[in-house]
Amino acid sequence: MQNSPMYNPQFQNINPEKMRFLAELFNEMNGKDMDQKIQLLMSFGIRMKQANLQFTQQESQVIIEFMKQNLNPAERSKLDMLQQMMQMMS
């Protein structure tokens, strides 16, 4: 999983608890379709808030860009809309 965002320099000094959430998120996303991945992302966002954790805007961008890999244009558009909604909520 070398192309995982967990190997991105942006995450070099990340809080270990955030890294645990990130590893669990990508493990659970494995083999899921885009709608299921989006549901997982939203669910993990809620769980992180409950744990008083939040990804920075830069960290979130790395995660979203990773998720966009190998998507068709409609799926990319859906993910872009989700990203805009998440930015409005933060």
PDB file of N, CA and C in Angstrom:
ATOM      1  N   MET A   1       0.837  -1.198   0.000  1.00  0.00           N
ATOM      2  CA  MET A   1       0.000   0.000   0.000  1.00  0.00           C
ATOM      3  C   MET A   1       0.874   1.250   0.000  1.00  0.00           C
ATOM      4  N   GLN A   2       1.980   1.185  -0.733  1.00  0.00           N
ATOM      5  CA  GLN A   2       2.933   2.274  -0.781  1.00  0.00           C
ATOM      6  C   GLN A   2       2.335   3.558  -1.354  1.00  0.00           C
ATOM      7  N   ASN A   3       1.291   3.463  -2.181  1.00  0.00           N
ATOM      8  CA  ASN A   3       0.669   4.662  -2.732  1.00  0.00           C
ATOM      9  C   ASN A   3      -0.392   5.222  -1.792  1.00  0.00           C
ATOM     10  N   SER A   4      -0.490   4.680  -0.611  1.00  0.00           N
ATOM     11  CA  SER A   4      -1.441   5.144   0.389  1.00  0.00           C
ATOM     12  C   SER A   4      -1.067   6.545   0.843  1.00  0.00           C
ATOM     13  N   PRO A   5      -2.052   7.351   1.190  1.00  0.00           N
ATOM     14  CA  PRO A   5      -1.732   8.683   1.708  1.00  0.00           C
ATOM     15  C   PRO A   5      -0.967   8.619   3.033  1.00  0.00           C
ATOM     16  N   MET A   6      -0.984   7.488   3.693  1.00  0.00           N
ATOM     17  CA  MET A   6      -0.260   7.373   4.960  1.00  0.00           C
ATOM     18  C   MET A   6       1.243   7.536   4.758  1.00  0.00           C
ATOM     19  N   TYR A   7       1.734   7.332   3.523  1.00  0.00           N
ATOM     20  CA  TYR A   7       3.153   7.492   3.228  1.00  0.00           C
ATOM     21  C   TYR A   7       3.471   8.889   2.707  1.00  0.00           C
ATOM     22  N   ASN A   8       2.463   9.746   2.614  1.00  0.00           N
ATOM     23  CA  ASN A   8       2.652  11.109   2.143  1.00  0.00           C
ATOM     24  C   ASN A   8       3.430  11.906   3.195  1.00  0.00           C
ATOM     25  N   PRO A   9       4.376  12.746   2.772  1.00  0.00           N
ATOM     26  CA  PRO A   9       5.130  13.559   3.738  1.00  0.00           C
ATOM     27  C   PRO A   9       4.229  14.415   4.630  1.00  0.00           C
ATOM     28  N   GLN A  10       3.030  14.748   4.163  1.00  0.00           N
ATOM     29  CA  GLN A  10       2.081  15.540   4.952  1.00  0.00           C
ATOM     30  C   GLN A  10       1.753  14.844   6.278  1.00  0.00           C
ATOM     31  N   PHE A  11       1.882  13.512   6.289  1.00  0.00           N
ATOM     32  CA  PHE A  11       1.528  12.741   7.476  1.00  0.00           C
ATOM     33  C   PHE A  11       2.736  12.297   8.288  1.00  0.00           C
ATOM     34  N   GLN A  12       3.915  12.842   7.981  1.00  0.00           N
ATOM     35  CA  GLN A  12       5.131  12.428   8.660  1.00  0.00           C
ATOM     36  C   GLN A  12       5.047  12.648  10.171  1.00  0.00           C
ATOM     37  N   ASN A  13       4.488  13.746  10.594  1.00  0.00           N
ATOM     38  CA  ASN A  13       4.420  14.073  12.025  1.00  0.00           C
ATOM     39  C   ASN A  13       2.987  14.087  12.548  1.00  0.00           C
ATOM     40  N   ILE A  14       2.130  13.283  11.945  1.00  0.00           N
ATOM     41  CA  ILE A  14       0.727  13.275  12.328  1.00  0.00           C
ATOM     42  C   ILE A  14       0.539  12.651  13.720  1.00  0.00           C
ATOM     43  N   ASN A  15      -0.452  13.130  14.411  1.00  0.00           N
ATOM     44  CA  ASN A  15      -0.844  12.572  15.703  1.00  0.00           C
ATOM     45  C   ASN A  15      -1.077  11.066  15.534  1.00  0.00           C
ATOM     46  N   PRO A  16      -0.494  10.228  16.394  1.00  0.00           N
ATOM     47  CA  PRO A  16      -0.661   8.773  16.259  1.00  0.00           C
ATOM     48  C   PRO A  16      -2.130   8.324  16.274  1.00  0.00           C
ATOM     49  N   GLU A  17      -2.959   9.030  16.998  1.00  0.00           N
ATOM     50  CA  GLU A  17      -4.384   8.666  17.036  1.00  0.00           C
ATOM     51  C   GLU A  17      -5.042   8.943  15.680  1.00  0.00           C
ATOM     52  N   LYS A  18      -4.673  10.049  15.045  1.00  0.00           N
ATOM     53  CA  LYS A  18      -5.178  10.339  13.703  1.00  0.00           C
ATOM     54  C   LYS A  18      -4.691   9.292  12.707  1.00  0.00           C
ATOM     55  N   MET A  19      -3.437   8.871  12.853  1.00  0.00           N
ATOM     56  CA  MET A  19      -2.886   7.858  11.965  1.00  0.00           C
ATOM     57  C   MET A  19      -3.634   6.536  12.129  1.00  0.00           C
ATOM     58  N   ARG A  20      -4.017   6.215  13.366  1.00  0.00           N
ATOM     59  CA  ARG A  20      -4.791   4.995  13.603  1.00  0.00           C
ATOM     60  C   ARG A  20      -6.130   5.068  12.886  1.00  0.00           C
ATOM     61  N   PHE A  21      -6.808   6.224  12.982  1.00  0.00           N
ATOM     62  CA  PHE A  21      -8.074   6.419  12.266  1.00  0.00           C
ATOM     63  C   PHE A  21      -7.861   6.280  10.764  1.00  0.00           C
ATOM     64  N   LEU A  22      -6.791   6.887  10.264  1.00  0.00           N
ATOM     65  CA  LEU A  22      -6.510   6.850   8.835  1.00  0.00           C
ATOM     66  C   LEU A  22      -6.269   5.416   8.356  1.00  0.00           C
ATOM     67  N   ALA A  23      -5.471   4.663   9.102  1.00  0.00           N
ATOM     68  CA  ALA A  23      -5.194   3.271   8.724  1.00  0.00           C
ATOM     69  C   ALA A  23      -6.473   2.439   8.737  1.00  0.00           C
ATOM     70  N   GLU A  24      -7.283   2.633   9.747  1.00  0.00           N
ATOM     71  CA  GLU A  24      -8.549   1.893   9.839  1.00  0.00           C
ATOM     72  C   GLU A  24      -9.494   2.283   8.701  1.00  0.00           C
ATOM     73  N   LEU A  25      -9.555   3.575   8.388  1.00  0.00           N
ATOM     74  CA  LEU A  25     -10.412   4.048   7.306  1.00  0.00           C
ATOM     75  C   LEU A  25     -10.037   3.388   5.983  1.00  0.00           C
ATOM     76  N   PHE A  26      -8.760   3.422   5.632  1.00  0.00           N
ATOM     77  CA  PHE A  26      -8.356   2.858   4.341  1.00  0.00           C
ATOM     78  C   PHE A  26      -8.446   1.338   4.323  1.00  0.00           C
ATOM     79  N   ASN A  27      -8.273   0.713   5.456  1.00  0.00           N
ATOM     80  CA  ASN A  27      -8.465  -0.732   5.529  1.00  0.00           C
ATOM     81  C   ASN A  27      -9.930  -1.078   5.248  1.00  0.00           C
ATOM     82  N   GLU A  28     -10.846  -0.335   5.847  1.00  0.00           N
ATOM     83  CA  GLU A  28     -12.274  -0.596   5.647  1.00  0.00           C
ATOM     84  C   GLU A  28     -12.745  -0.208   4.247  1.00  0.00           C
ATOM     85  N   MET A  29     -12.077   0.750   3.611  1.00  0.00           N
ATOM     86  CA  MET A  29     -12.461   1.167   2.260  1.00  0.00           C
ATOM     87  C   MET A  29     -12.087   0.136   1.197  1.00  0.00           C
ATOM     88  N   ASN A  30     -11.140  -0.714   1.514  1.00  0.00           N
ATOM     89  CA  ASN A  30     -10.642  -1.693   0.555  1.00  0.00           C
ATOM     90  C   ASN A  30     -11.781  -2.544  -0.010  1.00  0.00           C
ATOM     91  N   GLY A  31     -11.933  -2.514  -1.335  1.00  0.00           N
ATOM     92  CA  GLY A  31     -12.943  -3.326  -2.007  1.00  0.00           C
ATOM     93  C   GLY A  31     -14.340  -2.732  -2.035  1.00  0.00           C
ATOM     94  N   LYS A  32     -14.510  -1.526  -1.504  1.00  0.00           N
ATOM     95  CA  LYS A  32     -15.832  -0.896  -1.474  1.00  0.00           C
ATOM     96  C   LYS A  32     -16.017  -0.022  -2.714  1.00  0.00           C
ATOM     97  N   ASP A  33     -17.282   0.173  -3.105  1.00  0.00           N
ATOM     98  CA  ASP A  33     -17.554   1.095  -4.205  1.00  0.00           C
ATOM     99  C   ASP A  33     -17.546   2.527  -3.666  1.00  0.00           C
ATOM    100  N   MET A  34     -17.611   3.507  -4.570  1.00  0.00           N
ATOM    101  CA  MET A  34     -17.471   4.908  -4.169  1.00  0.00           C
ATOM    102  C   MET A  34     -18.531   5.338  -3.162  1.00  0.00           C
ATOM    103  N   ASP A  35     -19.771   4.935  -3.356  1.00  0.00           N
ATOM    104  CA  ASP A  35     -20.817   5.326  -2.403  1.00  0.00           C
ATOM    105  C   ASP A  35     -20.520   4.788  -1.008  1.00  0.00           C
ATOM    106  N   GLN A  36     -20.046   3.564  -0.923  1.00  0.00           N
ATOM    107  CA  GLN A  36     -19.703   2.978   0.370  1.00  0.00           C
ATOM    108  C   GLN A  36     -18.501   3.689   0.983  1.00  0.00           C
ATOM    109  N   LYS A  37     -17.533   4.070   0.146  1.00  0.00           N
ATOM    110  CA  LYS A  37     -16.362   4.794   0.646  1.00  0.00           C
ATOM    111  C   LYS A  37     -16.769   6.148   1.211  1.00  0.00           C
ATOM    112  N   ILE A  38     -17.677   6.819   0.535  1.00  0.00           N
ATOM    113  CA  ILE A  38     -18.140   8.123   1.018  1.00  0.00           C
ATOM    114  C   ILE A  38     -18.861   7.962   2.351  1.00  0.00           C
ATOM    115  N   GLN A  39     -19.682   6.927   2.472  1.00  0.00           N
ATOM    116  CA  GLN A  39     -20.369   6.668   3.741  1.00  0.00           C
ATOM    117  C   GLN A  39     -19.359   6.405   4.858  1.00  0.00           C
ATOM    118  N   LEU A  40     -18.327   5.627   4.550  1.00  0.00           N
ATOM    119  CA  LEU A  40     -17.287   5.361   5.547  1.00  0.00           C
ATOM    120  C   LEU A  40     -16.569   6.640   5.943  1.00  0.00           C
ATOM    121  N   LEU A  41     -16.253   7.469   4.962  1.00  0.00           N
ATOM    122  CA  LEU A  41     -15.566   8.726   5.235  1.00  0.00           C
ATOM    123  C   LEU A  41     -16.395   9.609   6.167  1.00  0.00           C
ATOM    124  N   MET A  42     -17.671   9.693   5.905  1.00  0.00           N
ATOM    125  CA  MET A  42     -18.562  10.501   6.756  1.00  0.00           C
ATOM    126  C   MET A  42     -18.642   9.893   8.165  1.00  0.00           C
ATOM    127  N   SER A  43     -18.765   8.584   8.242  1.00  0.00           N
ATOM    128  CA  SER A  43     -18.827   7.897   9.526  1.00  0.00           C
ATOM    129  C   SER A  43     -17.554   8.127  10.337  1.00  0.00           C
ATOM    130  N   PHE A  44     -16.407   8.031   9.671  1.00  0.00           N
ATOM    131  CA  PHE A  44     -15.148   8.256  10.364  1.00  0.00           C
ATOM    132  C   PHE A  44     -15.020   9.710  10.795  1.00  0.00           C
ATOM    133  N   GLY A  45     -15.544  10.626  10.002  1.00  0.00           N
ATOM    134  CA  GLY A  45     -15.532  12.037  10.396  1.00  0.00           C
ATOM    135  C   GLY A  45     -16.279  12.252  11.697  1.00  0.00           C
ATOM    136  N   ILE A  46     -17.410  11.598  11.842  1.00  0.00           N
ATOM    137  CA  ILE A  46     -18.205  11.706  13.073  1.00  0.00           C
ATOM    138  C   ILE A  46     -17.440  11.091  14.245  1.00  0.00           C
ATOM    139  N   ARG A  47     -16.864   9.929  14.018  1.00  0.00           N
ATOM    140  CA  ARG A  47     -16.108   9.261  15.084  1.00  0.00           C
ATOM    141  C   ARG A  47     -14.913  10.101  15.520  1.00  0.00           C
ATOM    142  N   MET A  48     -14.248  10.739  14.556  1.00  0.00           N
ATOM    143  CA  MET A  48     -13.103  11.572  14.901  1.00  0.00           C
ATOM    144  C   MET A  48     -13.539  12.791  15.709  1.00  0.00           C
ATOM    145  N   LYS A  49     -14.663  13.385  15.335  1.00  0.00           N
ATOM    146  CA  LYS A  49     -15.165  14.529  16.101  1.00  0.00           C
ATOM    147  C   LYS A  49     -15.462  14.126  17.533  1.00  0.00           C
ATOM    148  N   GLN A  50     -16.044  12.945  17.704  1.00  0.00           N
ATOM    149  CA  GLN A  50     -16.348  12.449  19.049  1.00  0.00           C
ATOM    150  C   GLN A  50     -15.070  12.236  19.859  1.00  0.00           C
ATOM    151  N   ALA A  51     -13.971  11.944  19.169  1.00  0.00           N
ATOM    152  CA  ALA A  51     -12.680  11.754  19.830  1.00  0.00           C
ATOM    153  C   ALA A  51     -11.890  13.064  19.899  1.00  0.00           C
ATOM    154  N   ASN A  52     -12.543  14.169  19.542  1.00  0.00           N
ATOM    155  CA  ASN A  52     -11.911  15.494  19.536  1.00  0.00           C
ATOM    156  C   ASN A  52     -10.692  15.548  18.620  1.00  0.00           C
ATOM    157  N   LEU A  53     -10.802  14.890  17.461  1.00  0.00           N
ATOM    158  CA  LEU A  53      -9.747  14.902  16.455  1.00  0.00           C
ATOM    159  C   LEU A  53     -10.307  15.441  15.152  1.00  0.00           C
ATOM    160  N   GLN A  54      -9.439  16.062  14.376  1.00  0.00           N
ATOM    161  CA  GLN A  54      -9.858  16.578  13.075  1.00  0.00           C
ATOM    162  C   GLN A  54      -8.640  16.626  12.169  1.00  0.00           C
ATOM    163  N   PHE A  55      -8.821  16.185  10.924  1.00  0.00           N
ATOM    164  CA  PHE A  55      -7.743  16.321   9.955  1.00  0.00           C
ATOM    165  C   PHE A  55      -7.642  17.782   9.555  1.00  0.00           C
ATOM    166  N   THR A  56      -6.405  18.231   9.322  1.00  0.00           N
ATOM    167  CA  THR A  56      -6.223  19.590   8.815  1.00  0.00           C
ATOM    168  C   THR A  56      -6.742  19.637   7.383  1.00  0.00           C
ATOM    169  N   GLN A  57      -6.895  20.823   6.855  1.00  0.00           N
ATOM    170  CA  GLN A  57      -7.343  20.967   5.474  1.00  0.00           C
ATOM    171  C   GLN A  57      -6.359  20.294   4.514  1.00  0.00           C
ATOM    172  N   GLN A  58      -5.060  20.423   4.792  1.00  0.00           N
ATOM    173  CA  GLN A  58      -4.055  19.798   3.936  1.00  0.00           C
ATOM    174  C   GLN A  58      -4.134  18.274   4.017  1.00  0.00           C
ATOM    175  N   GLU A  59      -4.317  17.738   5.214  1.00  0.00           N
ATOM    176  CA  GLU A  59      -4.441  16.293   5.373  1.00  0.00           C
ATOM    177  C   GLU A  59      -5.679  15.781   4.643  1.00  0.00           C
ATOM    178  N   SER A  60      -6.773  16.505   4.780  1.00  0.00           N
ATOM    179  CA  SER A  60      -8.017  16.122   4.102  1.00  0.00           C
ATOM    180  C   SER A  60      -7.836  16.123   2.592  1.00  0.00           C
ATOM    181  N   GLN A  61      -7.114  17.109   2.078  1.00  0.00           N
ATOM    182  CA  GLN A  61      -6.878  17.202   0.640  1.00  0.00           C
ATOM    183  C   GLN A  61      -6.101  15.987   0.134  1.00  0.00           C
ATOM    184  N   VAL A  62      -5.091  15.556   0.889  1.00  0.00           N
ATOM    185  CA  VAL A  62      -4.313  14.380   0.503  1.00  0.00           C
ATOM    186  C   VAL A  62      -5.209  13.147   0.457  1.00  0.00           C
ATOM    187  N   ILE A  63      -6.080  13.010   1.443  1.00  0.00           N
ATOM    188  CA  ILE A  63      -6.997  11.862   1.498  1.00  0.00           C
ATOM    189  C   ILE A  63      -7.944  11.879   0.310  1.00  0.00           C
ATOM    190  N   ILE A  64      -8.537  13.033   0.015  1.00  0.00           N
ATOM    191  CA  ILE A  64      -9.484  13.148  -1.101  1.00  0.00           C
ATOM    192  C   ILE A  64      -8.785  12.860  -2.425  1.00  0.00           C
ATOM    193  N   GLU A  65      -7.590  13.412  -2.613  1.00  0.00           N
ATOM    194  CA  GLU A  65      -6.856  13.168  -3.858  1.00  0.00           C
ATOM    195  C   GLU A  65      -6.539  11.686  -4.026  1.00  0.00           C
ATOM    196  N   PHE A  66      -6.207  11.017  -2.919  1.00  0.00           N
ATOM    197  CA  PHE A  66      -5.969   9.578  -2.989  1.00  0.00           C
ATOM    198  C   PHE A  66      -7.246   8.841  -3.411  1.00  0.00           C
ATOM    199  N   MET A  67      -8.371   9.260  -2.848  1.00  0.00           N
ATOM    200  CA  MET A  67      -9.641   8.607  -3.171  1.00  0.00           C
ATOM    201  C   MET A  67     -10.037   8.825  -4.629  1.00  0.00           C
ATOM    202  N   LYS A  68      -9.590   9.927  -5.243  1.00  0.00           N
ATOM    203  CA  LYS A  68      -9.954  10.243  -6.622  1.00  0.00           C
ATOM    204  C   LYS A  68      -9.243   9.366  -7.644  1.00  0.00           C
ATOM    205  N   GLN A  69      -8.183   8.691  -7.221  1.00  0.00           N
ATOM    206  CA  GLN A  69      -7.443   7.851  -8.155  1.00  0.00           C
ATOM    207  C   GLN A  69      -8.367   6.792  -8.744  1.00  0.00           C
ATOM    208  N   ASN A  70      -8.301   6.621 -10.037  1.00  0.00           N
ATOM    209  CA  ASN A  70      -9.048   5.594 -10.764  1.00  0.00           C
ATOM    210  C   ASN A  70     -10.566   5.781 -10.748  1.00  0.00           C
ATOM    211  N   LEU A  71     -11.034   7.004 -10.536  1.00  0.00           N
ATOM    212  CA  LEU A  71     -12.477   7.267 -10.572  1.00  0.00           C
ATOM    213  C   LEU A  71     -12.885   7.772 -11.944  1.00  0.00           C
ATOM    214  N   ASN A  72     -14.125   7.480 -12.304  1.00  0.00           N
ATOM    215  CA  ASN A  72     -14.653   8.049 -13.534  1.00  0.00           C
ATOM    216  C   ASN A  72     -15.100   9.483 -13.236  1.00  0.00           C
ATOM    217  N   PRO A  73     -15.393  10.284 -14.262  1.00  0.00           N
ATOM    218  CA  PRO A  73     -15.752  11.693 -14.041  1.00  0.00           C
ATOM    219  C   PRO A  73     -16.957  11.898 -13.118  1.00  0.00           C
ATOM    220  N   ALA A  74     -17.963  11.045 -13.209  1.00  0.00           N
ATOM    221  CA  ALA A  74     -19.141  11.195 -12.340  1.00  0.00           C
ATOM    222  C   ALA A  74     -18.772  10.970 -10.879  1.00  0.00           C
ATOM    223  N   GLU A  75     -17.932   9.971 -10.618  1.00  0.00           N
ATOM    224  CA  GLU A  75     -17.517   9.692  -9.242  1.00  0.00           C
ATOM    225  C   GLU A  75     -16.627  10.813  -8.710  1.00  0.00           C
ATOM    226  N   ARG A  76     -15.759  11.343  -9.567  1.00  0.00           N
ATOM    227  CA  ARG A  76     -14.915  12.480  -9.161  1.00  0.00           C
ATOM    228  C   ARG A  76     -15.777  13.685  -8.783  1.00  0.00           C
ATOM    229  N   SER A  77     -16.810  13.922  -9.579  1.00  0.00           N
ATOM    230  CA  SER A  77     -17.712  15.036  -9.313  1.00  0.00           C
ATOM    231  C   SER A  77     -18.411  14.861  -7.967  1.00  0.00           C
ATOM    232  N   LYS A  78     -18.851  13.648  -7.706  1.00  0.00           N
ATOM    233  CA  LYS A  78     -19.521  13.356  -6.429  1.00  0.00           C
ATOM    234  C   LYS A  78     -18.568  13.600  -5.259  1.00  0.00           C
ATOM    235  N   LEU A  79     -17.327  13.192  -5.411  1.00  0.00           N
ATOM    236  CA  LEU A  79     -16.341  13.384  -4.363  1.00  0.00           C
ATOM    237  C   LEU A  79     -16.011  14.869  -4.194  1.00  0.00           C
ATOM    238  N   ASP A  80     -15.951  15.607  -5.294  1.00  0.00           N
ATOM    239  CA  ASP A  80     -15.727  17.056  -5.215  1.00  0.00           C
ATOM    240  C   ASP A  80     -16.853  17.743  -4.453  1.00  0.00           C
ATOM    241  N   MET A  81     -18.092  17.323  -4.696  1.00  0.00           N
ATOM    242  CA  MET A  81     -19.234  17.908  -3.977  1.00  0.00           C
ATOM    243  C   MET A  81     -19.141  17.600  -2.489  1.00  0.00           C
ATOM    244  N   LEU A  82     -18.753  16.383  -2.153  1.00  0.00           N
ATOM    245  CA  LEU A  82     -18.599  16.007  -0.748  1.00  0.00           C
ATOM    246  C   LEU A  82     -17.516  16.858  -0.098  1.00  0.00           C
ATOM    247  N   GLN A  83     -16.422  17.063  -0.804  1.00  0.00           N
ATOM    248  CA  GLN A  83     -15.333  17.864  -0.270  1.00  0.00           C
ATOM    249  C   GLN A  83     -15.802  19.304   0.006  1.00  0.00           C
ATOM    250  N   GLN A  84     -16.577  19.867  -0.902  1.00  0.00           N
ATOM    251  CA  GLN A  84     -17.100  21.216  -0.699  1.00  0.00           C
ATOM    252  C   GLN A  84     -18.023  21.265   0.504  1.00  0.00           C
ATOM    253  N   MET A  85     -18.854  20.254   0.664  1.00  0.00           N
ATOM    254  CA  MET A  85     -19.755  20.199   1.820  1.00  0.00           C
ATOM    255  C   MET A  85     -18.953  20.111   3.121  1.00  0.00           C
ATOM    256  N   MET A  86     -17.907  19.304   3.112  1.00  0.00           N
ATOM    257  CA  MET A  86     -17.093  19.144   4.311  1.00  0.00           C
ATOM    258  C   MET A  86     -16.394  20.449   4.678  1.00  0.00           C
ATOM    259  N   GLN A  87     -15.946  21.198   3.674  1.00  0.00           N
ATOM    260  CA  GLN A  87     -15.289  22.474   3.936  1.00  0.00           C
ATOM    261  C   GLN A  87     -16.281  23.477   4.512  1.00  0.00           C
ATOM    262  N   MET A  88     -17.512  23.433   4.045  1.00  0.00           N
ATOM    263  CA  MET A  88     -18.524  24.356   4.558  1.00  0.00           C
ATOM    264  C   MET A  88     -18.880  24.022   6.008  1.00  0.00           C
ATOM    265  N   MET A  89     -18.802  22.750   6.376  1.00  0.00           N
ATOM    266  CA  MET A  89     -19.166  22.325   7.712  1.00  0.00           C
ATOM    267  C   MET A  89     -18.065  22.566   8.734  1.00  0.00           C
ATOM    268  N   SER A  90     -16.834  22.758   8.259  1.00  0.00           N
ATOM    269  CA  SER A  90     -15.716  22.928   9.210  1.00  0.00           C
ATOM    270  C   SER A  90     -15.475  24.379   9.542  1.00  0.00           C
TER     271      SER A  90
END
